[in-house]
N, C-alpha and C. Protein backbone atom coordinates (compact mmCIF):
# COMPACT_ATOMS: atom_id res chain seq x y z
N MET A 1 81.45 107.41 151.99
CA MET A 1 82.36 108.30 151.60
C MET A 1 83.44 107.36 151.44
N GLU A 2 84.04 106.75 152.67
CA GLU A 2 85.21 105.80 152.61
C GLU A 2 85.59 104.72 151.56
N ILE A 3 84.58 104.04 151.04
CA ILE A 3 84.30 102.92 150.26
C ILE A 3 84.61 103.56 149.01
N ASN A 4 84.02 104.73 148.35
CA ASN A 4 84.08 105.40 147.72
C ASN A 4 85.39 106.01 147.10
N ASN A 5 86.34 106.57 148.15
CA ASN A 5 87.69 106.73 147.92
C ASN A 5 88.63 105.34 147.36
N PHE A 6 88.20 104.47 147.84
CA PHE A 6 88.61 103.51 147.83
C PHE A 6 88.54 102.68 146.14
N LEU A 7 87.21 102.77 146.07
CA LEU A 7 86.87 102.56 144.84
C LEU A 7 87.88 103.20 143.60
N ILE A 8 87.90 104.42 143.86
CA ILE A 8 88.59 105.67 142.93
C ILE A 8 90.18 105.02 142.57
N ILE A 9 90.58 104.91 144.11
CA ILE A 9 92.35 104.12 144.53
C ILE A 9 92.30 102.89 142.96
N LEU A 10 91.25 102.44 143.78
CA LEU A 10 91.43 101.10 142.90
C LEU A 10 91.58 100.90 141.78
N LYS A 11 90.26 101.70 140.96
CA LYS A 11 89.90 101.61 139.69
C LYS A 11 91.13 102.55 138.88
N LEU A 12 91.71 103.70 139.28
CA LEU A 12 92.94 104.13 139.01
C LEU A 12 94.34 103.06 139.06
N SER A 13 94.28 102.54 139.84
CA SER A 13 95.36 101.92 140.12
C SER A 13 95.48 100.44 139.18
N LEU A 14 94.20 99.95 138.96
CA LEU A 14 94.00 99.00 137.78
C LEU A 14 93.90 99.67 136.52
N SER A 15 93.59 100.19 136.14
CA SER A 15 93.72 101.29 134.86
C SER A 15 95.50 101.24 134.35
N GLY A 16 96.10 101.81 135.28
CA GLY A 16 97.51 101.82 134.97
C GLY A 16 97.97 100.93 134.87
N LEU A 17 97.46 99.74 135.67
CA LEU A 17 98.17 98.55 135.55
C LEU A 17 97.49 97.54 134.31
N ILE A 18 96.49 98.00 133.61
CA ILE A 18 96.27 97.58 132.33
C ILE A 18 96.63 98.19 131.38
N ILE A 19 97.24 99.61 131.45
CA ILE A 19 97.97 100.39 130.63
C ILE A 19 99.18 99.70 130.26
N PHE A 20 99.92 99.11 131.58
CA PHE A 20 101.36 98.67 131.79
C PHE A 20 101.45 97.29 130.58
N PHE A 21 100.62 96.35 131.03
CA PHE A 21 100.30 95.06 130.60
C PHE A 21 99.96 94.95 129.06
N SER A 22 99.27 96.00 128.76
CA SER A 22 98.75 96.40 127.56
C SER A 22 100.30 96.37 126.37
N VAL A 23 101.55 97.31 127.16
CA VAL A 23 102.13 97.55 126.62
C VAL A 23 103.25 96.44 126.66
N GLN A 24 103.30 95.55 127.63
CA GLN A 24 104.49 94.79 127.26
C GLN A 24 103.46 93.28 126.45
N LEU A 25 102.12 93.25 126.36
CA LEU A 25 102.02 92.22 125.60
C LEU A 25 102.27 92.76 123.85
N GLN A 26 102.16 94.07 123.83
CA GLN A 26 102.61 94.36 122.60
C GLN A 26 103.63 94.36 122.09
N ALA A 27 104.47 94.22 122.76
CA ALA A 27 106.28 94.62 122.59
C ALA A 27 106.24 92.75 122.64
N ARG A 28 105.67 91.52 123.31
CA ARG A 28 105.64 90.50 123.37
C ARG A 28 105.32 89.70 121.49
N GLY A 29 104.28 90.53 121.19
CA GLY A 29 103.45 90.35 120.08
C GLY A 29 104.16 90.52 118.70
N ASN A 30 104.77 91.54 119.22
CA ASN A 30 105.60 91.94 117.66
C ASN A 30 106.52 91.31 117.10
N GLY A 31 106.95 91.34 115.78
CA GLY A 31 107.61 90.00 115.09
C GLY A 31 109.16 90.92 115.60
N LYS A 32 109.13 92.07 115.27
CA LYS A 32 110.54 93.07 115.59
C LYS A 32 110.88 92.95 116.88
N ASP A 33 110.37 92.02 117.90
CA ASP A 33 110.75 92.04 119.27
C ASP A 33 111.99 92.89 119.66
N SER A 34 111.95 94.07 120.69
CA SER A 34 113.27 93.97 121.01
C SER A 34 113.76 93.47 122.12
N LEU A 35 112.90 92.77 122.61
CA LEU A 35 113.06 91.86 123.91
C LEU A 35 114.36 90.72 123.66
N ARG A 36 114.10 90.29 122.40
CA ARG A 36 114.93 89.28 121.82
C ARG A 36 116.32 89.92 122.24
N ALA A 37 116.41 91.01 121.44
CA ALA A 37 117.66 91.98 121.51
C ALA A 37 118.44 91.78 123.00
N VAL A 38 117.62 91.79 124.21
CA VAL A 38 118.06 91.91 125.12
C VAL A 38 118.44 90.18 126.03
N ALA A 39 117.68 88.92 125.47
CA ALA A 39 117.99 87.71 126.09
C ALA A 39 119.45 87.70 125.79
N GLU A 40 119.92 86.68 126.90
CA GLU A 40 121.01 86.34 127.31
C GLU A 40 122.07 85.64 126.14
N PRO A 41 123.38 85.79 126.16
CA PRO A 41 123.92 84.41 125.62
C PRO A 41 123.29 83.02 125.82
N SER A 42 123.40 83.05 127.28
CA SER A 42 122.91 81.70 127.96
C SER A 42 121.51 81.05 127.57
N GLY A 43 121.08 81.41 126.56
CA GLY A 43 119.76 81.59 126.31
C GLY A 43 118.71 81.95 127.51
N GLN A 44 118.67 82.64 127.74
CA GLN A 44 117.71 83.01 129.22
C GLN A 44 116.64 83.57 128.22
N VAL A 45 115.63 83.00 128.72
CA VAL A 45 114.41 84.12 128.07
C VAL A 45 113.65 84.58 128.92
N PRO A 46 113.53 85.93 128.16
CA PRO A 46 112.48 86.76 129.35
C PRO A 46 110.95 85.90 129.97
N THR A 47 111.32 86.22 131.66
CA THR A 47 110.27 85.24 132.15
C THR A 47 109.19 86.49 133.40
N THR A 48 108.24 86.15 132.95
CA THR A 48 107.26 86.63 133.92
C THR A 48 106.98 85.85 135.32
N SER A 49 106.67 86.14 136.08
CA SER A 49 106.27 85.93 137.36
C SER A 49 105.10 86.46 137.85
N PHE A 50 103.90 85.59 138.70
CA PHE A 50 103.13 86.06 139.57
C PHE A 50 102.95 85.44 140.87
N TYR A 51 103.39 86.34 141.51
CA TYR A 51 103.46 86.05 143.49
C TYR A 51 102.46 86.43 144.23
N VAL A 52 102.46 86.40 145.74
CA VAL A 52 101.83 86.87 146.60
C VAL A 52 102.61 86.55 147.84
N GLU A 53 103.06 87.89 148.51
CA GLU A 53 104.07 88.22 149.35
C GLU A 53 103.54 88.60 150.42
N LEU A 54 104.25 87.92 151.56
CA LEU A 54 103.66 88.38 153.25
C LEU A 54 104.98 88.85 153.77
N GLY A 55 104.40 89.96 154.16
CA GLY A 55 105.51 90.57 154.68
C GLY A 55 106.39 91.44 153.43
N GLY A 56 107.28 91.57 153.44
CA GLY A 56 107.94 92.38 152.11
C GLY A 56 107.08 93.95 151.95
N LYS A 57 106.57 93.89 150.68
CA LYS A 57 105.94 95.54 150.88
C LYS A 57 104.81 95.82 151.32
N PHE A 58 104.07 94.95 152.14
CA PHE A 58 103.06 94.90 152.89
C PHE A 58 102.43 93.68 153.30
N LEU A 59 101.57 93.65 154.22
CA LEU A 59 100.93 92.56 154.73
C LEU A 59 100.07 91.78 153.66
N PRO A 60 99.38 91.51 152.79
CA PRO A 60 99.31 90.63 151.61
C PRO A 60 99.63 91.69 150.14
N SER A 61 100.66 91.42 149.77
CA SER A 61 100.77 92.21 148.22
C SER A 61 100.58 91.24 146.95
N PHE A 62 99.95 91.47 146.12
CA PHE A 62 100.08 90.93 144.89
C PHE A 62 101.09 91.46 143.82
N ASN A 63 101.67 90.56 143.23
CA ASN A 63 103.09 91.37 142.28
C ASN A 63 103.05 90.89 141.19
N ILE A 64 103.57 91.23 140.08
CA ILE A 64 104.10 90.31 138.78
C ILE A 64 105.90 91.15 138.53
N ASP A 65 106.31 90.04 138.34
CA ASP A 65 107.77 90.21 137.96
C ASP A 65 107.89 89.85 136.81
N PHE A 66 108.95 90.91 136.16
CA PHE A 66 109.01 90.71 134.88
C PHE A 66 110.64 90.73 134.99
N ARG A 67 111.25 89.49 134.19
CA ARG A 67 112.42 89.29 133.92
C ARG A 67 113.27 89.21 132.72
N LYS A 68 113.56 90.55 132.21
CA LYS A 68 113.93 90.94 130.86
C LYS A 68 115.70 90.33 130.82
N LYS A 69 116.53 90.46 131.64
CA LYS A 69 117.39 90.23 131.74
C LYS A 69 118.01 88.97 132.78
N GLU A 70 118.80 88.26 132.44
CA GLU A 70 119.71 87.51 133.63
C GLU A 70 119.52 88.11 134.80
N ASN A 71 119.97 89.12 134.88
CA ASN A 71 120.55 89.60 135.91
C ASN A 71 119.64 91.17 136.74
N PHE A 72 118.63 91.23 135.89
CA PHE A 72 117.90 92.25 136.42
C PHE A 72 116.54 92.28 136.37
N SER A 73 115.55 92.23 137.20
CA SER A 73 113.86 92.29 137.29
C SER A 73 113.45 93.43 137.68
N ILE A 74 112.19 93.60 137.26
CA ILE A 74 111.38 95.02 137.83
C ILE A 74 109.88 94.12 138.46
N SER A 75 109.37 94.78 139.52
CA SER A 75 108.35 93.77 139.67
C SER A 75 107.32 95.32 139.81
N VAL A 76 106.15 95.03 139.62
CA VAL A 76 104.60 96.11 139.80
C VAL A 76 103.77 95.38 140.51
N GLY A 77 103.26 95.67 141.94
CA GLY A 77 102.30 95.28 142.88
C GLY A 77 101.77 96.06 143.90
N SER A 78 100.99 95.52 144.61
CA SER A 78 99.92 96.47 145.44
C SER A 78 99.74 95.49 146.76
N GLY A 79 99.60 96.28 148.02
CA GLY A 79 99.45 95.70 148.84
C GLY A 79 98.34 96.64 149.54
N PHE A 80 97.07 95.18 150.35
CA PHE A 80 96.15 95.84 150.80
C PHE A 80 95.89 95.59 152.16
N TRP A 81 95.16 96.44 152.79
CA TRP A 81 94.76 95.73 154.11
C TRP A 81 93.75 96.94 154.64
N LYS A 82 93.15 96.20 155.64
CA LYS A 82 91.65 96.83 156.12
C LYS A 82 91.80 97.04 157.76
N ASP A 83 92.18 98.40 157.63
CA ASP A 83 92.83 98.94 159.34
C ASP A 83 91.44 99.09 160.21
N SER A 84 91.22 98.75 161.08
CA SER A 84 90.30 99.23 162.22
C SER A 84 90.78 99.83 163.50
N GLU A 85 91.87 100.20 163.47
CA GLU A 85 93.04 100.57 164.37
C GLU A 85 92.21 102.02 165.35
N GLU A 86 92.27 103.21 164.11
CA GLU A 86 92.15 104.41 164.91
C GLU A 86 90.94 104.87 164.20
N HIS A 87 90.81 104.44 162.62
CA HIS A 87 89.86 104.57 162.10
C HIS A 87 89.28 103.55 160.55
N GLU A 88 87.80 103.45 160.33
CA GLU A 88 87.97 102.00 159.79
C GLU A 88 88.08 102.61 158.25
N GLN A 89 89.42 101.88 157.86
CA GLN A 89 89.56 102.27 156.60
C GLN A 89 89.95 101.29 155.81
N PHE A 90 90.41 101.74 154.66
CA PHE A 90 91.33 100.76 153.62
C PHE A 90 92.87 101.29 153.39
N ILE A 91 93.95 100.41 153.44
CA ILE A 91 95.25 100.86 152.98
C ILE A 91 95.90 99.92 151.86
N PHE A 92 95.83 100.83 150.93
CA PHE A 92 96.54 100.70 149.74
C PHE A 92 97.81 100.94 149.30
N ILE A 93 98.80 100.32 148.95
CA ILE A 93 100.11 100.88 148.43
C ILE A 93 100.56 99.80 147.29
N PRO A 94 100.62 100.72 146.45
CA PRO A 94 101.09 100.15 144.90
C PRO A 94 102.68 100.17 144.85
N SER A 95 103.31 99.49 144.35
CA SER A 95 104.70 99.66 144.58
C SER A 95 104.94 99.56 142.87
N VAL A 96 106.30 100.02 142.57
CA VAL A 96 107.38 99.36 141.62
C VAL A 96 108.72 98.83 142.38
N ASN A 97 109.47 97.91 142.38
CA ASN A 97 110.69 97.68 142.44
C ASN A 97 111.74 97.17 141.33
N LEU A 98 113.10 97.52 141.24
CA LEU A 98 114.18 96.96 140.35
C LEU A 98 114.70 96.11 141.33
N TYR A 99 115.56 95.29 140.77
CA TYR A 99 116.10 93.81 141.75
C TYR A 99 117.53 93.86 140.75
N TYR A 100 118.53 93.61 141.59
CA TYR A 100 119.81 93.01 141.16
C TYR A 100 119.55 91.65 141.38
N LEU A 101 120.00 90.40 140.55
CA LEU A 101 120.06 89.23 141.11
C LEU A 101 121.38 88.91 140.65
N SER A 102 122.09 87.83 141.71
CA SER A 102 123.18 87.29 141.46
C SER A 102 123.27 85.48 141.30
N GLY A 103 123.56 84.73 140.16
CA GLY A 103 123.28 83.37 140.64
C GLY A 103 122.56 82.53 139.52
N LYS A 104 122.36 81.33 139.48
CA LYS A 104 121.61 80.96 138.39
C LYS A 104 119.96 80.56 138.81
N ARG A 105 119.47 79.75 139.13
CA ARG A 105 118.57 79.55 139.59
C ARG A 105 118.40 79.62 140.87
N LYS A 106 119.58 79.71 141.93
CA LYS A 106 118.69 79.70 143.15
C LYS A 106 120.09 81.02 143.10
N ARG A 107 118.93 82.17 143.70
CA ARG A 107 119.90 83.80 143.64
C ARG A 107 120.03 84.45 144.67
N ILE A 108 121.03 85.58 144.73
CA ILE A 108 120.72 86.26 145.80
C ILE A 108 120.25 87.44 144.78
N GLU A 109 119.10 88.20 145.58
CA GLU A 109 118.49 89.30 145.57
C GLU A 109 118.90 90.81 146.11
N MET A 110 119.19 91.70 145.40
CA MET A 110 119.34 93.05 146.14
C MET A 110 118.22 94.23 145.14
N GLY A 111 117.99 94.67 146.15
CA GLY A 111 116.98 96.18 145.30
C GLY A 111 115.87 96.48 146.01
N GLY A 112 114.97 97.75 145.29
CA GLY A 112 114.60 98.15 146.18
C GLY A 112 113.58 99.23 145.37
N GLY A 113 112.84 99.92 145.96
CA GLY A 113 111.52 100.55 145.33
C GLY A 113 111.20 101.65 146.32
N ALA A 114 109.99 102.09 145.30
CA ALA A 114 108.81 103.22 146.00
C ALA A 114 107.54 103.13 145.77
N GLY A 115 106.83 103.78 146.28
CA GLY A 115 105.16 103.53 146.00
C GLY A 115 104.47 104.81 146.93
N PRO A 116 103.10 105.03 146.88
CA PRO A 116 102.45 106.13 148.05
C PRO A 116 101.74 105.22 148.82
N PHE A 117 101.75 105.64 149.87
CA PHE A 117 101.07 105.12 150.98
C PHE A 117 99.52 105.46 150.81
N LEU A 118 98.19 105.09 150.32
CA LEU A 118 97.05 105.78 150.21
C LEU A 118 96.19 104.92 151.09
N THR A 119 95.48 106.14 151.99
CA THR A 119 94.08 105.09 152.48
C THR A 119 93.06 105.87 152.42
N THR A 120 92.11 105.05 152.54
CA THR A 120 90.76 105.77 152.57
C THR A 120 89.86 106.64 152.95
N TYR A 121 90.45 106.92 154.59
CA TYR A 121 90.16 107.84 155.38
C TYR A 121 91.13 109.09 155.20
N LYS A 122 92.29 109.21 154.83
CA LYS A 122 93.33 110.20 154.62
C LYS A 122 93.75 110.20 153.42
N GLY A 123 93.73 109.89 152.44
CA GLY A 123 94.34 110.16 151.25
C GLY A 123 95.57 109.45 151.30
N LEU A 124 96.36 110.14 150.52
CA LEU A 124 97.88 110.16 150.11
C LEU A 124 98.52 110.56 151.70
N VAL A 125 99.05 109.61 152.37
CA VAL A 125 99.72 110.30 153.43
C VAL A 125 101.60 109.95 153.31
N SER A 126 102.30 108.91 152.91
CA SER A 126 103.31 108.84 152.89
C SER A 126 103.90 108.91 151.27
N CYS A 127 105.09 108.74 151.30
CA CYS A 127 105.99 107.84 149.93
C CYS A 127 106.44 106.73 150.88
N VAL A 128 106.51 105.79 150.11
CA VAL A 128 106.89 104.72 150.84
C VAL A 128 108.42 104.40 150.36
N VAL A 129 109.33 103.99 150.81
CA VAL A 129 110.69 103.35 150.01
C VAL A 129 110.97 101.83 150.79
N PHE A 130 111.00 101.19 149.58
CA PHE A 130 111.41 99.53 150.17
C PHE A 130 112.90 99.17 149.91
N GLY A 131 113.45 98.64 150.82
CA GLY A 131 114.51 97.78 150.14
C GLY A 131 114.67 96.26 150.02
N SER A 132 115.67 95.50 150.02
CA SER A 132 115.01 93.94 149.90
C SER A 132 116.78 93.57 149.86
N VAL A 133 117.04 92.20 150.36
CA VAL A 133 118.55 92.01 150.80
C VAL A 133 117.98 90.48 150.53
N GLY A 134 117.69 89.45 149.99
CA GLY A 134 117.66 88.22 150.20
C GLY A 134 117.68 86.93 149.22
N TYR A 135 117.41 85.87 149.12
CA TYR A 135 117.09 84.66 148.43
C TYR A 135 116.20 84.29 147.47
N ARG A 136 116.61 84.28 146.47
CA ARG A 136 115.58 84.26 145.71
C ARG A 136 115.43 82.63 144.75
N TYR A 137 114.51 81.40 144.44
CA TYR A 137 114.31 80.55 143.95
C TYR A 137 113.63 80.79 142.29
N GLN A 138 113.90 80.77 140.84
CA GLN A 138 113.08 81.07 140.17
C GLN A 138 113.64 79.96 138.91
N LYS A 139 112.49 79.56 138.57
CA LYS A 139 112.42 78.00 137.55
C LYS A 139 112.32 79.32 136.20
N LYS A 140 112.23 79.01 134.90
CA LYS A 140 111.87 79.38 133.81
C LYS A 140 110.66 79.25 133.78
N LYS A 141 110.10 78.24 133.96
CA LYS A 141 108.37 78.06 134.29
C LYS A 141 108.91 77.29 135.75
N GLY A 142 107.87 77.62 136.45
CA GLY A 142 107.37 76.79 137.68
C GLY A 142 107.22 77.57 138.87
N LEU A 143 108.03 76.85 139.85
CA LEU A 143 107.75 77.46 140.96
C LEU A 143 108.57 78.85 141.34
N PHE A 144 108.46 79.89 141.96
CA PHE A 144 109.25 81.32 142.15
C PHE A 144 109.02 81.19 143.67
N PHE A 145 109.90 81.45 144.50
CA PHE A 145 110.11 81.57 145.75
C PHE A 145 110.98 82.54 146.15
N ARG A 146 110.49 83.44 147.25
CA ARG A 146 111.64 84.45 147.71
C ARG A 146 111.46 84.57 148.94
N ALA A 147 112.63 84.85 149.64
CA ALA A 147 112.43 85.42 151.36
C ALA A 147 113.49 86.15 151.73
N GLY A 148 113.28 87.10 152.21
CA GLY A 148 114.24 88.06 152.38
C GLY A 148 114.33 88.97 153.73
N PHE A 149 114.67 90.28 153.76
CA PHE A 149 114.97 91.61 154.60
C PHE A 149 114.61 92.41 153.75
N THR A 150 113.42 92.51 154.38
CA THR A 150 112.72 93.44 153.55
C THR A 150 112.33 94.99 154.27
N PRO A 151 113.18 95.97 154.58
CA PRO A 151 113.28 97.02 155.33
C PRO A 151 112.07 98.00 154.75
N PHE A 152 111.58 98.72 155.36
CA PHE A 152 110.50 99.85 154.61
C PHE A 152 110.62 101.50 155.31
N VAL A 153 111.02 102.33 154.96
CA VAL A 153 110.89 103.63 155.60
C VAL A 153 109.16 104.46 154.64
N ALA A 154 108.54 105.16 155.59
CA ALA A 154 107.27 105.88 155.22
C ALA A 154 107.76 107.62 155.44
N ILE A 155 107.51 107.74 154.53
CA ILE A 155 108.12 109.25 154.60
C ILE A 155 106.79 110.36 154.59
N PRO A 156 106.37 110.91 155.41
CA PRO A 156 105.07 111.55 155.30
C PRO A 156 105.37 112.94 154.42
N VAL A 157 103.88 113.27 153.39
CA VAL A 157 104.04 114.40 152.89
C VAL A 157 103.10 115.02 152.88
N ASN A 158 102.44 115.18 154.37
CA ASN A 158 101.56 116.00 154.76
C ASN A 158 101.49 115.63 155.96
N ASN A 159 100.33 116.98 156.84
CA ASN A 159 100.56 116.34 158.35
C ASN A 159 99.80 115.21 159.15
N LYS A 160 98.79 114.71 158.02
CA LYS A 160 98.26 113.50 158.56
C LYS A 160 99.22 112.36 158.87
N SER A 161 100.20 112.22 158.68
CA SER A 161 101.12 111.08 158.93
C SER A 161 102.63 111.31 159.49
N ARG A 162 103.21 110.22 159.82
CA ARG A 162 104.80 110.13 160.55
C ARG A 162 105.72 110.02 159.90
N PHE A 163 107.22 110.30 160.10
CA PHE A 163 108.11 109.23 159.81
C PHE A 163 107.79 108.15 160.25
N LEU A 164 108.23 106.94 159.21
CA LEU A 164 108.31 105.41 160.10
C LEU A 164 109.36 104.83 159.34
N ALA A 165 109.83 104.03 159.98
CA ALA A 165 110.95 103.18 159.56
C ALA A 165 110.73 101.96 160.21
N ILE A 166 110.82 100.41 159.52
CA ILE A 166 110.32 99.53 160.16
C ILE A 166 111.34 98.08 159.25
N PRO A 167 111.98 97.71 160.41
CA PRO A 167 113.14 96.59 160.11
C PRO A 167 111.87 95.74 159.34
N TRP A 168 111.71 94.59 158.38
CA TRP A 168 110.61 94.20 158.17
C TRP A 168 111.03 93.02 157.23
N ALA A 169 110.68 91.24 156.95
CA ALA A 169 110.83 90.19 156.24
C ALA A 169 109.98 89.85 155.23
N GLY A 170 109.80 89.15 154.85
CA GLY A 170 108.89 88.70 153.85
C GLY A 170 109.32 87.64 152.81
N VAL A 171 108.14 86.72 152.66
CA VAL A 171 107.96 85.61 152.07
C VAL A 171 107.20 85.81 150.96
N SER A 172 107.85 85.42 149.62
CA SER A 172 106.55 85.44 148.52
C SER A 172 107.06 84.15 148.02
N LEU A 173 105.84 83.73 146.97
CA LEU A 173 105.71 82.34 146.85
C LEU A 173 104.75 82.66 144.95
N GLY A 174 105.47 81.94 144.21
CA GLY A 174 104.41 82.22 143.19
C GLY A 174 104.57 81.42 142.16
N TYR A 175 104.37 81.67 140.66
CA TYR A 175 104.47 81.04 139.45
C TYR A 175 105.31 81.71 138.40
N SER A 176 106.24 80.83 137.69
CA SER A 176 106.91 82.05 136.56
C SER A 176 106.42 81.29 134.86
N LEU A 177 105.95 82.12 134.26
CA LEU A 177 105.59 81.77 133.11
C LEU A 177 106.36 81.78 132.18
């Protein structure tokens, strides 16, 4: 039963990501692309980055970052964890985060986001709110690196969970296309 719940959650999340990326690819393929209108005068081209984060949103998380403007970025991702402490279960935290960036290639990053805290044993237990203040190194194409203070707060949505606030740090490594 536990694995079935996890598979349902995983299928729904992957379906949502596929729809999201389909819209992104359609926007890029259109000859009358609105993305060109948001490119900065400095010649900044919209950048997509794939990265793995340790700490941050959760202990490993896999993310995709879309930078459409020089100083603004949005990322979607998901953290996974197998927990055997109280009950054998999988923990799954999908998230959407927005970031404001200051600087050129080496940047100060500030932002935040939210997502549900889902488990295969208890289902939806909390709404998680993330914060982020840190350093970002990003080329137009190539290495993507982030490190910073990334606290999060878990707000219970039922009696199966408790309020949780954790000061956290995270490191990300990936590649920009």
